[in-house]
Amino acid sequence: MASCYKCAKPITVGFGAPVPVDATCPECSSWIHSCANCASYDEYSMKKCREAKAPFVFDRLGKNDCPHFKLKVAAREEENNKKKKMSPRMEERDRAGRARDNLDRLFK
C-alpha cells in the first residue's frame, strides 16, 4: 500500500492505472504526482533520482509531470517502523553522542 509522503495516510489513487498529474492527497491536499512519492526518489543521489534519464525537477514536493513516475509502495512493517534516514555525517555524530553517554554512565 502506498502512503502520502506528508501525512503518511494510505493513497488509493493510481492503483491499476497511471496517477493523474493533478491528483492530491484526500487528507492533507499535497500533490501525489511528486518526486517525494516516487519509487525512484533518492535524497542522497546527485539528481535526487535513481532514474538516469529523468528530467531535473526543482520542486521535489510540488506537482510535476515526470514520465518516469511510479508510486512508491512501502511494506507494512516499514510504515510502522518508519525511522528517518540520516546522512553518514549525522550517523557518525549520533554514534559518537551515544558513546559519550555510555562513558558518562560508566564513570558515574
N, C-alpha and C. Protein backbone atom coordinates (compact mmCIF):
# COMPACT_ATOMS: atom_id res chain seq x y z
N MET A 1 0.84 -1.17 0.00
CA MET A 1 0.00 0.00 0.00
C MET A 1 0.89 1.25 0.00
N ALA A 2 0.60 2.17 -0.86
CA ALA A 2 1.35 3.42 -0.92
C ALA A 2 0.81 4.39 0.12
N SER A 3 1.69 5.27 0.59
CA SER A 3 1.26 6.26 1.56
C SER A 3 1.79 7.63 1.17
N CYS A 4 1.12 8.66 1.62
CA CYS A 4 1.48 10.04 1.33
C CYS A 4 2.79 10.39 2.05
N TYR A 5 3.66 11.11 1.37
CA TYR A 5 4.94 11.49 1.98
C TYR A 5 4.75 12.48 3.12
N LYS A 6 3.68 13.24 3.11
CA LYS A 6 3.49 14.30 4.10
C LYS A 6 2.73 13.83 5.34
N CYS A 7 1.61 13.15 5.13
CA CYS A 7 0.78 12.76 6.28
C CYS A 7 0.79 11.26 6.56
N ALA A 8 1.42 10.46 5.70
CA ALA A 8 1.56 9.01 5.84
C ALA A 8 0.22 8.26 5.80
N LYS A 9 -0.81 8.89 5.28
CA LYS A 9 -2.11 8.21 5.10
C LYS A 9 -2.06 7.39 3.82
N PRO A 10 -2.78 6.28 3.75
CA PRO A 10 -2.77 5.44 2.54
C PRO A 10 -3.32 6.19 1.33
N ILE A 11 -2.70 5.95 0.18
CA ILE A 11 -3.15 6.56 -1.08
C ILE A 11 -3.90 5.50 -1.87
N THR A 12 -5.11 5.83 -2.29
CA THR A 12 -5.91 4.88 -3.06
C THR A 12 -5.95 5.25 -4.54
N VAL A 13 -5.49 6.42 -4.90
CA VAL A 13 -5.50 6.87 -6.30
C VAL A 13 -4.30 6.26 -7.02
N GLY A 14 -4.51 5.79 -8.26
CA GLY A 14 -3.40 5.36 -9.08
C GLY A 14 -3.09 3.88 -9.06
N PHE A 15 -3.90 3.05 -8.44
CA PHE A 15 -3.65 1.61 -8.48
C PHE A 15 -4.36 1.03 -9.69
N GLY A 16 -3.58 0.34 -10.54
CA GLY A 16 -4.13 -0.26 -11.74
C GLY A 16 -4.17 0.70 -12.91
N ALA A 17 -3.89 1.97 -12.69
CA ALA A 17 -3.88 2.97 -13.74
C ALA A 17 -2.83 4.02 -13.40
N PRO A 18 -2.36 4.78 -14.38
CA PRO A 18 -1.40 5.84 -14.07
C PRO A 18 -1.98 6.89 -13.13
N VAL A 19 -1.12 7.46 -12.31
CA VAL A 19 -1.55 8.50 -11.37
C VAL A 19 -1.76 9.79 -12.14
N PRO A 20 -2.94 10.42 -12.04
CA PRO A 20 -3.15 11.70 -12.71
C PRO A 20 -2.19 12.75 -12.17
N VAL A 21 -1.72 13.64 -13.03
CA VAL A 21 -0.75 14.66 -12.63
C VAL A 21 -1.34 15.60 -11.59
N ASP A 22 -2.64 15.86 -11.67
CA ASP A 22 -3.26 16.83 -10.75
C ASP A 22 -3.91 16.17 -9.53
N ALA A 23 -3.59 14.91 -9.24
CA ALA A 23 -4.16 14.22 -8.08
C ALA A 23 -3.56 14.74 -6.78
N THR A 24 -4.40 14.87 -5.76
CA THR A 24 -3.95 15.32 -4.44
C THR A 24 -4.37 14.33 -3.37
N CYS A 25 -3.68 14.37 -2.25
CA CYS A 25 -3.99 13.52 -1.11
C CYS A 25 -5.32 13.97 -0.50
N PRO A 26 -6.25 13.05 -0.23
CA PRO A 26 -7.53 13.45 0.35
C PRO A 26 -7.41 13.98 1.78
N GLU A 27 -6.34 13.63 2.50
CA GLU A 27 -6.18 14.07 3.88
C GLU A 27 -5.51 15.44 4.01
N CYS A 28 -4.35 15.61 3.34
CA CYS A 28 -3.57 16.83 3.55
C CYS A 28 -3.48 17.72 2.30
N SER A 29 -4.06 17.31 1.19
CA SER A 29 -4.09 18.07 -0.07
C SER A 29 -2.70 18.28 -0.68
N SER A 30 -1.73 17.45 -0.37
CA SER A 30 -0.42 17.55 -1.01
C SER A 30 -0.48 16.81 -2.35
N TRP A 31 0.42 17.17 -3.27
CA TRP A 31 0.43 16.55 -4.59
C TRP A 31 0.90 15.11 -4.50
N ILE A 32 0.17 14.22 -5.16
CA ILE A 32 0.56 12.81 -5.17
C ILE A 32 1.62 12.58 -6.25
N HIS A 33 1.46 13.23 -7.40
CA HIS A 33 2.42 13.07 -8.52
C HIS A 33 3.60 14.00 -8.28
N SER A 34 4.40 13.69 -7.26
CA SER A 34 5.58 14.49 -6.92
C SER A 34 6.76 13.55 -6.67
N CYS A 35 7.95 14.11 -6.70
CA CYS A 35 9.16 13.29 -6.51
C CYS A 35 9.15 12.57 -5.16
N ALA A 36 8.62 13.21 -4.13
CA ALA A 36 8.64 12.62 -2.79
C ALA A 36 7.81 11.34 -2.70
N ASN A 37 6.85 11.16 -3.60
CA ASN A 37 6.02 9.95 -3.62
C ASN A 37 6.48 8.94 -4.66
N CYS A 38 7.58 9.21 -5.34
CA CYS A 38 8.05 8.34 -6.42
C CYS A 38 8.98 7.25 -5.88
N ALA A 39 8.93 6.09 -6.51
CA ALA A 39 9.79 4.98 -6.10
C ALA A 39 11.26 5.24 -6.44
N SER A 40 11.53 6.11 -7.41
CA SER A 40 12.90 6.40 -7.81
C SER A 40 13.53 7.55 -7.03
N TYR A 41 12.77 8.20 -6.16
CA TYR A 41 13.29 9.35 -5.41
C TYR A 41 14.35 8.88 -4.42
N ASP A 42 15.50 9.56 -4.44
CA ASP A 42 16.60 9.23 -3.54
C ASP A 42 17.21 10.54 -3.04
N GLU A 43 17.05 10.82 -1.78
CA GLU A 43 17.51 12.07 -1.18
C GLU A 43 19.01 12.26 -1.32
N TYR A 44 19.77 11.17 -1.36
CA TYR A 44 21.22 11.27 -1.31
C TYR A 44 21.92 11.11 -2.67
N SER A 45 21.17 10.97 -3.75
CA SER A 45 21.81 10.90 -5.06
C SER A 45 22.01 12.31 -5.62
N MET A 46 22.82 12.42 -6.65
CA MET A 46 23.18 13.73 -7.18
C MET A 46 21.96 14.49 -7.72
N LYS A 47 21.13 13.83 -8.52
CA LYS A 47 19.95 14.49 -9.09
C LYS A 47 18.70 14.23 -8.26
N LYS A 48 18.85 13.60 -7.10
CA LYS A 48 17.75 13.23 -6.21
C LYS A 48 16.81 12.20 -6.84
N CYS A 49 17.33 11.48 -7.86
CA CYS A 49 16.52 10.48 -8.55
C CYS A 49 17.42 9.35 -8.99
N ARG A 50 16.95 8.11 -8.85
CA ARG A 50 17.73 6.95 -9.29
C ARG A 50 17.57 6.69 -10.79
N GLU A 51 16.56 7.28 -11.40
CA GLU A 51 16.33 7.11 -12.84
C GLU A 51 17.27 8.02 -13.60
N ALA A 52 18.15 7.46 -14.40
CA ALA A 52 19.19 8.23 -15.08
C ALA A 52 18.63 9.18 -16.14
N LYS A 53 17.55 8.81 -16.80
CA LYS A 53 17.00 9.62 -17.88
C LYS A 53 15.92 10.59 -17.43
N ALA A 54 15.65 10.65 -16.15
CA ALA A 54 14.59 11.53 -15.65
C ALA A 54 15.02 13.00 -15.75
N PRO A 55 14.09 13.88 -16.10
CA PRO A 55 14.43 15.31 -16.16
C PRO A 55 14.63 15.86 -14.75
N PHE A 56 15.45 16.92 -14.65
CA PHE A 56 15.69 17.53 -13.34
C PHE A 56 14.45 18.30 -12.91
N VAL A 57 14.03 18.12 -11.66
CA VAL A 57 12.86 18.80 -11.11
C VAL A 57 13.33 19.67 -9.96
N PHE A 58 12.98 20.95 -9.99
CA PHE A 58 13.42 21.86 -8.94
C PHE A 58 12.62 21.68 -7.65
N ASP A 59 11.29 21.58 -7.77
CA ASP A 59 10.43 21.45 -6.60
C ASP A 59 10.09 19.97 -6.39
N ARG A 60 10.77 19.33 -5.46
CA ARG A 60 10.59 17.89 -5.23
C ARG A 60 9.27 17.57 -4.55
N LEU A 61 8.67 18.51 -3.86
CA LEU A 61 7.42 18.27 -3.15
C LEU A 61 6.21 18.75 -3.95
N GLY A 62 6.45 19.47 -5.01
CA GLY A 62 5.37 20.01 -5.82
C GLY A 62 4.98 19.09 -6.95
N LYS A 63 3.94 19.48 -7.67
CA LYS A 63 3.43 18.71 -8.79
C LYS A 63 4.44 18.73 -9.93
N ASN A 64 4.64 17.59 -10.59
CA ASN A 64 5.48 17.53 -11.77
C ASN A 64 4.89 16.53 -12.76
N ASP A 65 5.40 16.55 -13.97
CA ASP A 65 4.89 15.63 -15.00
C ASP A 65 5.99 14.71 -15.52
N CYS A 66 6.80 14.19 -14.62
CA CYS A 66 7.90 13.29 -14.98
C CYS A 66 7.33 12.01 -15.60
N PRO A 67 7.84 11.60 -16.77
CA PRO A 67 7.32 10.39 -17.40
C PRO A 67 7.77 9.10 -16.70
N HIS A 68 8.73 9.18 -15.79
CA HIS A 68 9.26 8.00 -15.10
C HIS A 68 8.62 7.80 -13.72
N PHE A 69 7.57 8.55 -13.39
CA PHE A 69 6.96 8.48 -12.07
C PHE A 69 6.31 7.12 -11.84
N LYS A 70 6.64 6.49 -10.71
CA LYS A 70 5.99 5.27 -10.24
C LYS A 70 5.68 5.47 -8.76
N LEU A 71 4.46 5.23 -8.37
CA LEU A 71 4.06 5.44 -6.98
C LEU A 71 4.84 4.51 -6.07
N LYS A 72 5.45 5.09 -5.03
CA LYS A 72 6.26 4.33 -4.08
C LYS A 72 5.35 3.46 -3.23
N VAL A 73 5.63 2.17 -3.19
CA VAL A 73 4.85 1.23 -2.40
C VAL A 73 5.75 0.72 -1.28
N ALA A 74 5.34 0.92 -0.05
CA ALA A 74 6.14 0.51 1.11
C ALA A 74 5.50 -0.70 1.78
N ALA A 75 6.33 -1.53 2.36
CA ALA A 75 5.83 -2.67 3.13
C ALA A 75 5.21 -2.19 4.42
N ARG A 76 4.24 -2.91 4.91
CA ARG A 76 3.55 -2.51 6.14
C ARG A 76 4.48 -2.38 7.34
N GLU A 77 5.43 -3.28 7.43
CA GLU A 77 6.37 -3.22 8.55
C GLU A 77 7.21 -1.95 8.49
N GLU A 78 7.59 -1.55 7.29
CA GLU A 78 8.38 -0.33 7.14
C GLU A 78 7.57 0.90 7.51
N GLU A 79 6.28 0.90 7.18
CA GLU A 79 5.43 2.03 7.54
C GLU A 79 5.30 2.16 9.05
N ASN A 80 5.16 1.02 9.72
CA ASN A 80 5.00 1.05 11.17
C ASN A 80 6.30 1.42 11.88
N ASN A 81 7.43 0.96 11.36
CA ASN A 81 8.73 1.22 11.98
C ASN A 81 9.49 2.30 11.24
N LYS A 82 8.78 3.28 10.73
CA LYS A 82 9.41 4.32 9.92
C LYS A 82 10.36 5.15 10.77
N LYS A 83 11.61 5.20 10.35
CA LYS A 83 12.62 5.98 11.03
C LYS A 83 13.31 6.84 9.99
N LYS A 84 13.53 8.09 10.30
CA LYS A 84 14.13 9.00 9.35
C LYS A 84 15.57 8.58 9.06
N LYS A 85 15.88 8.51 7.77
CA LYS A 85 17.21 8.13 7.35
C LYS A 85 18.15 9.30 7.54
N MET A 86 19.30 9.05 8.17
CA MET A 86 20.27 10.10 8.43
C MET A 86 21.39 10.05 7.41
N SER A 87 22.03 11.18 7.22
CA SER A 87 23.20 11.23 6.36
C SER A 87 24.35 10.54 7.08
N PRO A 88 25.38 10.13 6.35
CA PRO A 88 26.52 9.46 7.01
C PRO A 88 27.16 10.32 8.10
N ARG A 89 27.23 11.63 7.89
CA ARG A 89 27.81 12.51 8.91
C ARG A 89 26.95 12.55 10.16
N MET A 90 25.63 12.59 9.99
CA MET A 90 24.74 12.59 11.15
C MET A 90 24.78 11.25 11.88
N GLU A 91 24.91 10.14 11.13
CA GLU A 91 25.04 8.84 11.78
C GLU A 91 26.29 8.79 12.64
N GLU A 92 27.38 9.36 12.13
CA GLU A 92 28.64 9.39 12.89
C GLU A 92 28.49 10.23 14.16
N ARG A 93 27.84 11.38 14.05
CA ARG A 93 27.61 12.22 15.24
C ARG A 93 26.72 11.53 16.25
N ASP A 94 25.69 10.85 15.75
CA ASP A 94 24.78 10.13 16.63
C ASP A 94 25.52 9.01 17.36
N ARG A 95 26.35 8.27 16.63
CA ARG A 95 27.14 7.19 17.22
C ARG A 95 28.11 7.73 18.27
N ALA A 96 28.76 8.88 17.96
CA ALA A 96 29.69 9.48 18.92
C ALA A 96 28.95 9.98 20.16
N GLY A 97 27.77 10.53 19.97
CA GLY A 97 26.98 11.00 21.10
C GLY A 97 26.55 9.86 22.02
N ARG A 98 26.14 8.75 21.42
CA ARG A 98 25.76 7.59 22.23
C ARG A 98 26.96 7.03 22.98
N ALA A 99 28.14 7.04 22.34
CA ALA A 99 29.35 6.55 23.01
C ALA A 99 29.70 7.43 24.21
N ARG A 100 29.58 8.76 24.04
CA ARG A 100 29.84 9.68 25.16
C ARG A 100 28.86 9.45 26.31
N ASP A 101 27.59 9.25 25.97
CA ASP A 101 26.58 8.98 27.00
C ASP A 101 26.89 7.69 27.75
N ASN A 102 27.32 6.67 27.03
CA ASN A 102 27.67 5.40 27.68
C ASN A 102 28.88 5.56 28.59
N LEU A 103 29.87 6.33 28.17
CA LEU A 103 31.03 6.59 29.03
C LEU A 103 30.63 7.36 30.28
N ASP A 104 29.77 8.37 30.12
CA ASP A 104 29.32 9.13 31.28
C ASP A 104 28.60 8.23 32.28
N ARG A 105 27.74 7.32 31.79
CA ARG A 105 27.04 6.42 32.67
C ARG A 105 28.00 5.43 33.34
N LEU A 106 29.05 5.03 32.64
CA LEU A 106 30.01 4.10 33.16
C LEU A 106 30.81 4.68 34.33
N PHE A 107 31.20 5.94 34.22
CA PHE A 107 32.05 6.55 35.24
C PHE A 107 31.30 7.36 36.28
N LYS A 108 30.01 7.25 36.34
CA LYS A 108 29.24 7.95 37.38
C LYS A 108 29.01 7.09 38.58
